[in-house]
């Protein structure tokens, strides 16, 4: 008697679980859960945008100076000494004291040269400016200036396997790489309406990207910029399944509890 009731109980639970899974998956369209449906063999022209990032307020820069006189260059490299183990993509933090901080007025404070306006310049322009100032002020002979970003990062949120902040040491990353480092979009991602949020010239740029066709490969947003935010919206199946689960779960738990009580009383008669 006990074995028969247990078997019936297990069969009922299995049927309930299967019914829920079939209900949740019945409306999924294959084209909505796959990327690049129209992609065929061939070549796609790359977007001809300028990938050189522009220095903005709040950036942290590693500025390294070398010259034939190592002792004379030592003071210019002091702010970089606290950089310990630059993080690889997706992990690690940078010491707050590492590098040169671009303050809210747009300046960096450089030894012997004082405040240098950095905001709005590319790394190349800032490099040329610092080199010229070192030579003009007779501080160094034949200086070589190297500049890198210490806070180049993008954020991936929403319907991905692992929402994360991705650190980018090489200062170049595509939106596909960022999504890959976040574990890729889940089956419930709204692939035709991925949101990109970018800050440009003091305002927020909002762009929606469709991953179900191949337009992304020639898009100016294929390559991400520092501080970009990628948000993957949930599709209607995710919203509907979450709503149904919220409604059904209390009923299911109550039903299972009631069934367990009945079975316990029948067995212990």
C-alpha atoms as a PDB file:
ATOM      1  CA  UNK A   1       0.000   0.000   0.000  1.00  0.00           C
ATOM      2  CA  UNK A   2       2.777   2.430   0.934  1.00  0.00           C
ATOM      3  CA  UNK A   3       4.775   1.733  -2.232  1.00  0.00           C
ATOM      4  CA  UNK A   4       1.761   2.226  -4.481  1.00  0.00           C
ATOM      5  CA  UNK A   5       0.851   5.567  -2.928  1.00  0.00           C
ATOM      6  CA  UNK A   6       4.444   6.780  -3.134  1.00  0.00           C
ATOM      7  CA  UNK A   7       4.645   5.809  -6.812  1.00  0.00           C
ATOM      8  CA  UNK A   8       1.367   7.607  -7.540  1.00  0.00           C
ATOM      9  CA  UNK A   9       2.585  10.677  -5.668  1.00  0.00           C
ATOM     10  CA  UNK A  10       5.894  10.759  -7.597  1.00  0.00           C
ATOM     11  CA  UNK A  11       4.074  10.309 -10.920  1.00  0.00           C
ATOM     12  CA  UNK A  12       1.771  13.221 -10.108  1.00  0.00           C
ATOM     13  CA  UNK A  13       4.711  15.473  -9.253  1.00  0.00           C
ATOM     14  CA  UNK A  14       6.513  14.494 -12.444  1.00  0.00           C
ATOM     15  CA  UNK A  15       3.458  15.276 -14.548  1.00  0.00           C
ATOM     16  CA  UNK A  16       3.106  18.673 -12.870  1.00  0.00           C
ATOM     17  CA  UNK A  17       6.759  19.536 -13.530  1.00  0.00           C
ATOM     18  CA  UNK A  18       6.578  18.419 -17.151  1.00  0.00           C
ATOM     19  CA  UNK A  19       3.392  20.418 -17.699  1.00  0.00           C
ATOM     20  CA  UNK A  20       5.043  23.561 -16.328  1.00  0.00           C
ATOM     21  CA  UNK A  21       8.117  23.108 -18.516  1.00  0.00           C
ATOM     22  CA  UNK A  22       6.020  22.517 -21.635  1.00  0.00           C
ATOM     23  CA  UNK A  23       3.887  25.561 -20.881  1.00  0.00           C
ATOM     24  CA  UNK A  24       6.924  27.800 -20.376  1.00  0.00           C
ATOM     25  CA  UNK A  25       8.689  26.594 -23.520  1.00  0.00           C
ATOM     26  CA  UNK A  26       5.763  26.318 -25.892  1.00  0.00           C
ATOM     27  CA  UNK A  27       5.898  29.876 -27.172  1.00  0.00           C
ATOM     28  CA  UNK A  28       9.659  30.167 -27.817  1.00  0.00           C
ATOM     29  CA  UNK A  29      10.486  31.040 -31.414  1.00  0.00           C
ATOM     30  CA  UNK A  30      13.851  29.720 -32.636  1.00  0.00           C
ATOM     31  CA  UNK A  31      14.710  32.956 -34.495  1.00  0.00           C
ATOM     32  CA  UNK A  32      14.152  34.922 -31.302  1.00  0.00           C
ATOM     33  CA  UNK A  33      16.731  32.923 -29.341  1.00  0.00           C
ATOM     34  CA  UNK A  34      19.526  32.733 -31.940  1.00  0.00           C
ATOM     35  CA  UNK A  35      21.895  35.438 -33.157  1.00  0.00           C
ATOM     36  CA  UNK A  36      22.692  36.498 -36.733  1.00  0.00           C
ATOM     37  CA  UNK A  37      19.897  34.536 -38.445  1.00  0.00           C
ATOM     38  CA  UNK A  38      20.607  36.143 -41.826  1.00  0.00           C
ATOM     39  CA  UNK A  39      24.398  35.746 -41.700  1.00  0.00           C
ATOM     40  CA  UNK A  40      25.913  33.991 -44.727  1.00  0.00           C
ATOM     41  CA  UNK A  41      29.456  33.304 -45.937  1.00  0.00           C
ATOM     42  CA  UNK A  42      31.291  36.389 -47.162  1.00  0.00           C
ATOM     43  CA  UNK A  43      32.875  39.580 -45.837  1.00  0.00           C
ATOM     44  CA  UNK A  44      31.290  42.511 -44.011  1.00  0.00           C
ATOM     45  CA  UNK A  45      32.915  45.967 -44.122  1.00  0.00           C
ATOM     46  CA  UNK A  46      34.102  47.133 -40.709  1.00  0.00           C
ATOM     47  CA  UNK A  47      32.857  50.389 -39.290  1.00  0.00           C
ATOM     48  CA  UNK A  48      35.371  53.179 -39.920  1.00  0.00           C
ATOM     49  CA  UNK A  49      34.988  54.940 -36.589  1.00  0.00           C
ATOM     50  CA  UNK A  50      37.796  56.401 -34.529  1.00  0.00           C
ATOM     51  CA  UNK A  51      38.454  53.958 -31.713  1.00  0.00           C
ATOM     52  CA  UNK A  52      40.904  56.261 -29.920  1.00  0.00           C
ATOM     53  CA  UNK A  53      39.206  57.071 -26.589  1.00  0.00           C
ATOM     54  CA  UNK A  54      38.989  60.661 -25.405  1.00  0.00           C
ATOM     55  CA  UNK A  55      40.085  61.551 -21.890  1.00  0.00           C
ATOM     56  CA  UNK A  56      37.174  62.541 -19.657  1.00  0.00           C
ATOM     57  CA  UNK A  57      36.708  63.676 -16.061  1.00  0.00           C
ATOM     58  CA  UNK A  58      37.230  60.850 -13.586  1.00  0.00           C
ATOM     59  CA  UNK A  59      39.584  58.872 -15.831  1.00  0.00           C
ATOM     60  CA  UNK A  60      42.658  57.332 -14.229  1.00  0.00           C
ATOM     61  CA  UNK A  61      45.747  57.379 -16.438  1.00  0.00           C
ATOM     62  CA  UNK A  62      49.046  55.580 -16.204  1.00  0.00           C
ATOM     63  CA  UNK A  63      51.624  58.046 -17.541  1.00  0.00           C
ATOM     64  CA  UNK A  64      55.113  56.596 -17.827  1.00  0.00           C
ATOM     65  CA  UNK A  65      58.094  58.777 -18.695  1.00  0.00           C
ATOM     66  CA  UNK A  66      61.489  57.451 -19.775  1.00  0.00           C
ATOM     67  CA  UNK A  67      64.639  59.243 -20.875  1.00  0.00           C
ATOM     68  CA  UNK A  68      68.430  58.745 -21.034  1.00  0.00           C
ATOM     69  CA  UNK A  69      68.524  59.987 -17.421  1.00  0.00           C
ATOM     70  CA  UNK A  70      66.563  57.458 -15.272  1.00  0.00           C
ATOM     71  CA  UNK A  71      67.059  59.434 -12.061  1.00  0.00           C
ATOM     72  CA  UNK A  72      65.499  62.556 -13.571  1.00  0.00           C
ATOM     73  CA  UNK A  73      62.427  60.651 -14.737  1.00  0.00           C
ATOM     74  CA  UNK A  74      61.814  58.882 -11.439  1.00  0.00           C
ATOM     75  CA  UNK A  75      59.536  61.555  -9.946  1.00  0.00           C
ATOM     76  CA  UNK A  76      57.212  61.533 -12.967  1.00  0.00           C
ATOM     77  CA  UNK A  77      56.567  57.794 -12.569  1.00  0.00           C
ATOM     78  CA  UNK A  78      55.920  57.854  -8.822  1.00  0.00           C
ATOM     79  CA  UNK A  79      52.082  57.918  -9.123  1.00  0.00           C
ATOM     80  CA  UNK A  80      52.223  54.637 -11.088  1.00  0.00           C
ATOM     81  CA  UNK A  81      54.190  52.725  -8.444  1.00  0.00           C
ATOM     82  CA  UNK A  82      51.068  51.719  -6.504  1.00  0.00           C
ATOM     83  CA  UNK A  83      49.672  49.809  -9.500  1.00  0.00           C
ATOM     84  CA  UNK A  84      49.862  46.197  -8.394  1.00  0.00           C
ATOM     85  CA  UNK A  85      48.876  43.483 -10.841  1.00  0.00           C
ATOM     86  CA  UNK A  86      46.763  45.150 -13.484  1.00  0.00           C
ATOM     87  CA  UNK A  87      43.490  43.212 -13.633  1.00  0.00           C
ATOM     88  CA  UNK A  88      42.608  40.988 -16.524  1.00  0.00           C
ATOM     89  CA  UNK A  89      39.264  41.403 -18.247  1.00  0.00           C
ATOM     90  CA  UNK A  90      36.385  40.930 -15.866  1.00  0.00           C
ATOM     91  CA  UNK A  91      38.287  40.736 -12.579  1.00  0.00           C
ATOM     92  CA  UNK A  92      40.236  42.722 -10.026  1.00  0.00           C
ATOM     93  CA  UNK A  93      40.281  46.269  -8.719  1.00  0.00           C
ATOM     94  CA  UNK A  94      42.727  49.137  -9.155  1.00  0.00           C
ATOM     95  CA  UNK A  95      44.203  50.917  -6.162  1.00  0.00           C
ATOM     96  CA  UNK A  96      42.555  54.355  -5.788  1.00  0.00           C
ATOM     97  CA  UNK A  97      46.001  55.993  -5.516  1.00  0.00           C
ATOM     98  CA  UNK A  98      47.360  54.407  -8.704  1.00  0.00           C
ATOM     99  CA  UNK A  99      47.950  56.588 -11.742  1.00  0.00           C
ATOM    100  CA  UNK A 100      46.991  60.170 -12.540  1.00  0.00           C
ATOM    101  CA  UNK A 101      43.380  61.102 -11.799  1.00  0.00           C
ATOM    102  CA  UNK A 102      41.630  63.530 -14.150  1.00  0.00           C
ATOM    103  CA  UNK A 103      39.839  65.810 -11.694  1.00  0.00           C
ATOM    104  CA  UNK A 104      36.419  67.390 -12.073  1.00  0.00           C
ATOM    105  CA  UNK A 105      37.954  70.469 -13.650  1.00  0.00           C
ATOM    106  CA  UNK A 106      39.557  68.278 -16.332  1.00  0.00           C
ATOM    107  CA  UNK A 107      43.163  68.575 -15.121  1.00  0.00           C
ATOM    108  CA  UNK A 108      45.845  66.134 -14.039  1.00  0.00           C
ATOM    109  CA  UNK A 109      48.451  67.201 -11.508  1.00  0.00           C
ATOM    110  CA  UNK A 110      51.835  66.411 -13.014  1.00  0.00           C
ATOM    111  CA  UNK A 111      55.117  66.702 -11.082  1.00  0.00           C
ATOM    112  CA  UNK A 112      57.135  69.817 -11.923  1.00  0.00           C
ATOM    113  CA  UNK A 113      54.608  70.869 -14.585  1.00  0.00           C
ATOM    114  CA  UNK A 114      51.594  71.473 -12.346  1.00  0.00           C
ATOM    115  CA  UNK A 115      48.056  71.248 -13.689  1.00  0.00           C
ATOM    116  CA  UNK A 116      47.715  69.975 -17.259  1.00  0.00           C
ATOM    117  CA  UNK A 117      44.372  70.084 -19.060  1.00  0.00           C
ATOM    118  CA  UNK A 118      43.574  66.528 -20.175  1.00  0.00           C
ATOM    119  CA  UNK A 119      39.822  66.428 -20.774  1.00  0.00           C
ATOM    120  CA  UNK A 120      38.860  66.332 -24.440  1.00  0.00           C
ATOM    121  CA  UNK A 121      42.268  65.131 -25.618  1.00  0.00           C
ATOM    122  CA  UNK A 122      43.156  61.754 -27.076  1.00  0.00           C
ATOM    123  CA  UNK A 123      46.042  59.835 -25.538  1.00  0.00           C
ATOM    124  CA  UNK A 124      48.212  60.819 -28.490  1.00  0.00           C
ATOM    125  CA  UNK A 125      47.478  64.548 -28.094  1.00  0.00           C
ATOM    126  CA  UNK A 126      48.069  64.430 -24.338  1.00  0.00           C
ATOM    127  CA  UNK A 127      51.303  62.526 -24.888  1.00  0.00           C
ATOM    128  CA  UNK A 128      52.533  65.162 -27.354  1.00  0.00           C
ATOM    129  CA  UNK A 129      51.570  67.969 -24.982  1.00  0.00           C
ATOM    130  CA  UNK A 130      53.413  66.487 -21.974  1.00  0.00           C
ATOM    131  CA  UNK A 131      56.482  65.676 -24.082  1.00  0.00           C
ATOM    132  CA  UNK A 132      56.642  69.264 -25.380  1.00  0.00           C
ATOM    133  CA  UNK A 133      56.239  70.717 -21.879  1.00  0.00           C
ATOM    134  CA  UNK A 134      59.044  68.533 -20.491  1.00  0.00           C
ATOM    135  CA  UNK A 135      61.384  69.626 -23.277  1.00  0.00           C
ATOM    136  CA  UNK A 136      60.381  73.315 -23.260  1.00  0.00           C
ATOM    137  CA  UNK A 137      60.907  73.501 -19.480  1.00  0.00           C
ATOM    138  CA  UNK A 138      64.293  71.791 -19.838  1.00  0.00           C
ATOM    139  CA  UNK A 139      63.284  69.050 -17.418  1.00  0.00           C
ATOM    140  CA  UNK A 140      64.271  66.124 -19.651  1.00  0.00           C
ATOM    141  CA  UNK A 141      66.150  65.469 -22.857  1.00  0.00           C
ATOM    142  CA  UNK A 142      64.514  63.180 -25.425  1.00  0.00           C
ATOM    143  CA  UNK A 143      61.680  62.042 -23.139  1.00  0.00           C
ATOM    144  CA  UNK A 144      59.398  59.177 -24.169  1.00  0.00           C
ATOM    145  CA  UNK A 145      55.883  59.409 -22.747  1.00  0.00           C
ATOM    146  CA  UNK A 146      53.516  56.409 -22.657  1.00  0.00           C
ATOM    147  CA  UNK A 147      49.872  56.744 -21.586  1.00  0.00           C
ATOM    148  CA  UNK A 148      47.382  53.997 -20.750  1.00  0.00           C
ATOM    149  CA  UNK A 149      43.918  53.977 -19.205  1.00  0.00           C
ATOM    150  CA  UNK A 150      43.643  52.235 -15.846  1.00  0.00           C
ATOM    151  CA  UNK A 151      39.853  52.423 -15.648  1.00  0.00           C
ATOM    152  CA  UNK A 152      38.750  51.314 -19.125  1.00  0.00           C
ATOM    153  CA  UNK A 153      35.731  49.142 -18.348  1.00  0.00           C
ATOM    154  CA  UNK A 154      32.259  48.255 -19.584  1.00  0.00           C
ATOM    155  CA  UNK A 155      29.230  46.955 -17.693  1.00  0.00           C
ATOM    156  CA  UNK A 156      26.957  44.125 -18.859  1.00  0.00           C
ATOM    157  CA  UNK A 157      23.587  43.745 -17.109  1.00  0.00           C
ATOM    158  CA  UNK A 158      20.247  42.040 -17.549  1.00  0.00           C
ATOM    159  CA  UNK A 159      19.426  38.700 -19.142  1.00  0.00           C
ATOM    160  CA  UNK A 160      22.969  37.313 -19.276  1.00  0.00           C
ATOM    161  CA  UNK A 161      24.482  34.358 -17.437  1.00  0.00           C
ATOM    162  CA  UNK A 162      26.782  36.487 -15.250  1.00  0.00           C
ATOM    163  CA  UNK A 163      26.110  40.241 -15.067  1.00  0.00           C
ATOM    164  CA  UNK A 164      29.504  41.857 -14.584  1.00  0.00           C
ATOM    165  CA  UNK A 165      31.810  44.835 -14.918  1.00  0.00           C
ATOM    166  CA  UNK A 166      34.504  43.980 -17.470  1.00  0.00           C
ATOM    167  CA  UNK A 167      37.944  45.572 -17.093  1.00  0.00           C
ATOM    168  CA  UNK A 168      39.669  46.032 -20.474  1.00  0.00           C
ATOM    169  CA  UNK A 169      43.474  46.303 -20.155  1.00  0.00           C
ATOM    170  CA  UNK A 170      44.058  46.558 -23.936  1.00  0.00           C
ATOM    171  CA  UNK A 171      41.467  49.380 -24.286  1.00  0.00           C
ATOM    172  CA  UNK A 172      39.635  47.635 -27.127  1.00  0.00           C
ATOM    173  CA  UNK A 173      36.597  45.378 -26.821  1.00  0.00           C
ATOM    174  CA  UNK A 174      33.624  44.479 -29.005  1.00  0.00           C
ATOM    175  CA  UNK A 175      30.090  44.123 -27.727  1.00  0.00           C
ATOM    176  CA  UNK A 176      30.279  40.404 -28.562  1.00  0.00           C
ATOM    177  CA  UNK A 177      33.399  39.988 -26.421  1.00  0.00           C
ATOM    178  CA  UNK A 178      31.728  41.814 -23.522  1.00  0.00           C
ATOM    179  CA  UNK A 179      28.664  39.570 -23.743  1.00  0.00           C
ATOM    180  CA  UNK A 180      30.915  36.511 -23.935  1.00  0.00           C
ATOM    181  CA  UNK A 181      32.749  37.554 -20.763  1.00  0.00           C
ATOM    182  CA  UNK A 182      29.332  37.902 -19.094  1.00  0.00           C
ATOM    183  CA  UNK A 183      28.493  34.301 -20.009  1.00  0.00           C
ATOM    184  CA  UNK A 184      26.456  35.197 -23.139  1.00  0.00           C
ATOM    185  CA  UNK A 185      22.778  36.061 -23.358  1.00  0.00           C
ATOM    186  CA  UNK A 186      20.354  33.522 -21.919  1.00  0.00           C
ATOM    187  CA  UNK A 187      17.604  31.869 -23.942  1.00  0.00           C
ATOM    188  CA  UNK A 188      15.206  34.436 -22.472  1.00  0.00           C
ATOM    189  CA  UNK A 189      17.150  37.472 -23.789  1.00  0.00           C
ATOM    190  CA  UNK A 190      15.411  39.955 -26.059  1.00  0.00           C
ATOM    191  CA  UNK A 191      18.044  39.749 -28.795  1.00  0.00           C
ATOM    192  CA  UNK A 192      16.425  42.230 -31.167  1.00  0.00           C
ATOM    193  CA  UNK A 193      16.436  45.060 -28.617  1.00  0.00           C
ATOM    194  CA  UNK A 194      19.712  45.081 -26.640  1.00  0.00           C
ATOM    195  CA  UNK A 195      20.260  48.461 -25.013  1.00  0.00           C
ATOM    196  CA  UNK A 196      23.567  50.345 -25.165  1.00  0.00           C
ATOM    197  CA  UNK A 197      24.029  53.348 -22.872  1.00  0.00           C
ATOM    198  CA  UNK A 198      27.003  55.595 -23.601  1.00  0.00           C
ATOM    199  CA  UNK A 199      28.023  58.962 -22.166  1.00  0.00           C
ATOM    200  CA  UNK A 200      29.172  61.432 -24.799  1.00  0.00           C
ATOM    201  CA  UNK A 201      29.771  65.153 -24.504  1.00  0.00           C
ATOM    202  CA  UNK A 202      27.973  65.418 -21.186  1.00  0.00           C
ATOM    203  CA  UNK A 203      24.822  63.561 -22.223  1.00  0.00           C
ATOM    204  CA  UNK A 204      23.615  59.957 -22.298  1.00  0.00           C
ATOM    205  CA  UNK A 205      23.390  58.287 -25.718  1.00  0.00           C
ATOM    206  CA  UNK A 206      20.806  55.491 -25.904  1.00  0.00           C
ATOM    207  CA  UNK A 207      21.095  52.984 -28.756  1.00  0.00           C
ATOM    208  CA  UNK A 208      19.128  49.783 -29.349  1.00  0.00           C
ATOM    209  CA  UNK A 209      20.906  46.936 -31.140  1.00  0.00           C
ATOM    210  CA  UNK A 210      19.408  43.972 -32.997  1.00  0.00           C
ATOM    211  CA  UNK A 211      21.407  40.736 -32.680  1.00  0.00           C
ATOM    212  CA  UNK A 212      19.037  38.639 -34.803  1.00  0.00           C
ATOM    213  CA  UNK A 213      20.559  40.015 -38.028  1.00  0.00           C
ATOM    214  CA  UNK A 214      24.092  40.854 -39.167  1.00  0.00           C
ATOM    215  CA  UNK A 215      23.822  44.662 -38.976  1.00  0.00           C
ATOM    216  CA  UNK A 216      25.813  44.709 -35.731  1.00  0.00           C
ATOM    217  CA  UNK A 217      29.050  43.840 -37.585  1.00  0.00           C
ATOM    218  CA  UNK A 218      28.995  47.101 -39.550  1.00  0.00           C
ATOM    219  CA  UNK A 219      27.530  49.168 -36.714  1.00  0.00           C
ATOM    220  CA  UNK A 220      29.502  52.043 -35.136  1.00  0.00           C
ATOM    221  CA  UNK A 221      28.545  50.438 -31.805  1.00  0.00           C
ATOM    222  CA  UNK A 222      30.261  47.124 -32.528  1.00  0.00           C
ATOM    223  CA  UNK A 223      33.280  48.374 -30.577  1.00  0.00           C
ATOM    224  CA  UNK A 224      32.497  49.573 -27.064  1.00  0.00           C
ATOM    225  CA  UNK A 225      33.931  52.623 -25.338  1.00  0.00           C
ATOM    226  CA  UNK A 226      35.001  53.057 -21.748  1.00  0.00           C
ATOM    227  CA  UNK A 227      32.100  53.183 -19.257  1.00  0.00           C
ATOM    228  CA  UNK A 228      29.574  51.828 -21.790  1.00  0.00           C
ATOM    229  CA  UNK A 229      26.641  49.931 -20.279  1.00  0.00           C
ATOM    230  CA  UNK A 230      25.060  47.015 -22.150  1.00  0.00           C
ATOM    231  CA  UNK A 231      21.620  45.997 -20.866  1.00  0.00           C
ATOM    232  CA  UNK A 232      19.951  42.853 -22.205  1.00  0.00           C
ATOM    233  CA  UNK A 233      16.188  43.000 -21.747  1.00  0.00           C
ATOM    234  CA  UNK A 234      14.170  39.863 -20.873  1.00  0.00           C
ATOM    235  CA  UNK A 235      11.787  38.673 -23.596  1.00  0.00           C
ATOM    236  CA  UNK A 236       8.048  38.150 -23.159  1.00  0.00           C
ATOM    237  CA  UNK A 237       8.522  34.462 -22.381  1.00  0.00           C
ATOM    238  CA  UNK A 238      10.706  35.329 -19.364  1.00  0.00           C
ATOM    239  CA  UNK A 239       8.232  37.934 -18.134  1.00  0.00           C
ATOM    240  CA  UNK A 240       5.280  35.572 -18.655  1.00  0.00           C
ATOM    241  CA  UNK A 241       7.017  32.595 -17.045  1.00  0.00           C
ATOM    242  CA  UNK A 242       8.051  34.670 -14.041  1.00  0.00           C
ATOM    243  CA  UNK A 243       4.503  35.955 -13.681  1.00  0.00           C
ATOM    244  CA  UNK A 244       3.024  32.453 -14.007  1.00  0.00           C
ATOM    245  CA  UNK A 245       5.542  31.020 -11.563  1.00  0.00           C
ATOM    246  CA  UNK A 246       4.714  33.732  -9.036  1.00  0.00           C
ATOM    247  CA  UNK A 247       1.025  32.868  -9.327  1.00  0.00           C
ATOM    248  CA  UNK A 248       1.350  29.074  -9.488  1.00  0.00           C
ATOM    249  CA  UNK A 249       4.085  28.463  -6.908  1.00  0.00           C
ATOM    250  CA  UNK A 250       1.993  29.236  -3.775  1.00  0.00           C
ATOM    251  CA  UNK A 251      -0.841  27.061  -5.124  1.00  0.00           C
ATOM    252  CA  UNK A 252       1.573  24.253  -5.998  1.00  0.00           C
ATOM    253  CA  UNK A 253       3.226  24.355  -2.572  1.00  0.00           C
ATOM    254  CA  UNK A 254      -0.179  24.354  -0.862  1.00  0.00           C
ATOM    255  CA  UNK A 255      -1.313  21.426  -3.009  1.00  0.00           C
ATOM    256  CA  UNK A 256       1.837  19.423  -2.297  1.00  0.00           C
ATOM    257  CA  UNK A 257       1.560  20.123   1.419  1.00  0.00           C
ATOM    258  CA  UNK A 258      -2.081  19.014   1.435  1.00  0.00           C
ATOM    259  CA  UNK A 259      -1.177  15.860  -0.534  1.00  0.00           C
ATOM    260  CA  UNK A 260       1.654  15.049   1.889  1.00  0.00           C
ATOM    261  CA  UNK A 261      -0.701  15.391   4.854  1.00  0.00           C
ATOM    262  CA  UNK A 262      -3.306  13.079   3.265  1.00  0.00           C
ATOM    263  CA  UNK A 263      -0.654  10.480   2.354  1.00  0.00           C
ATOM    264  CA  UNK A 264       0.814  10.642   5.868  1.00  0.00           C
ATOM    265  CA  UNK A 265      -2.582  10.091   7.474  1.00  0.00           C
ATOM    266  CA  UNK A 266      -3.456   7.197   5.140  1.00  0.00           C
ATOM    267  CA  UNK A 267      -0.107   5.475   5.749  1.00  0.00           C
ATOM    268  CA  UNK A 268      -0.257   5.910   9.512  1.00  0.00           C
ATOM    269  CA  UNK A 269      -3.819   4.642   9.942  1.00  0.00           C
END
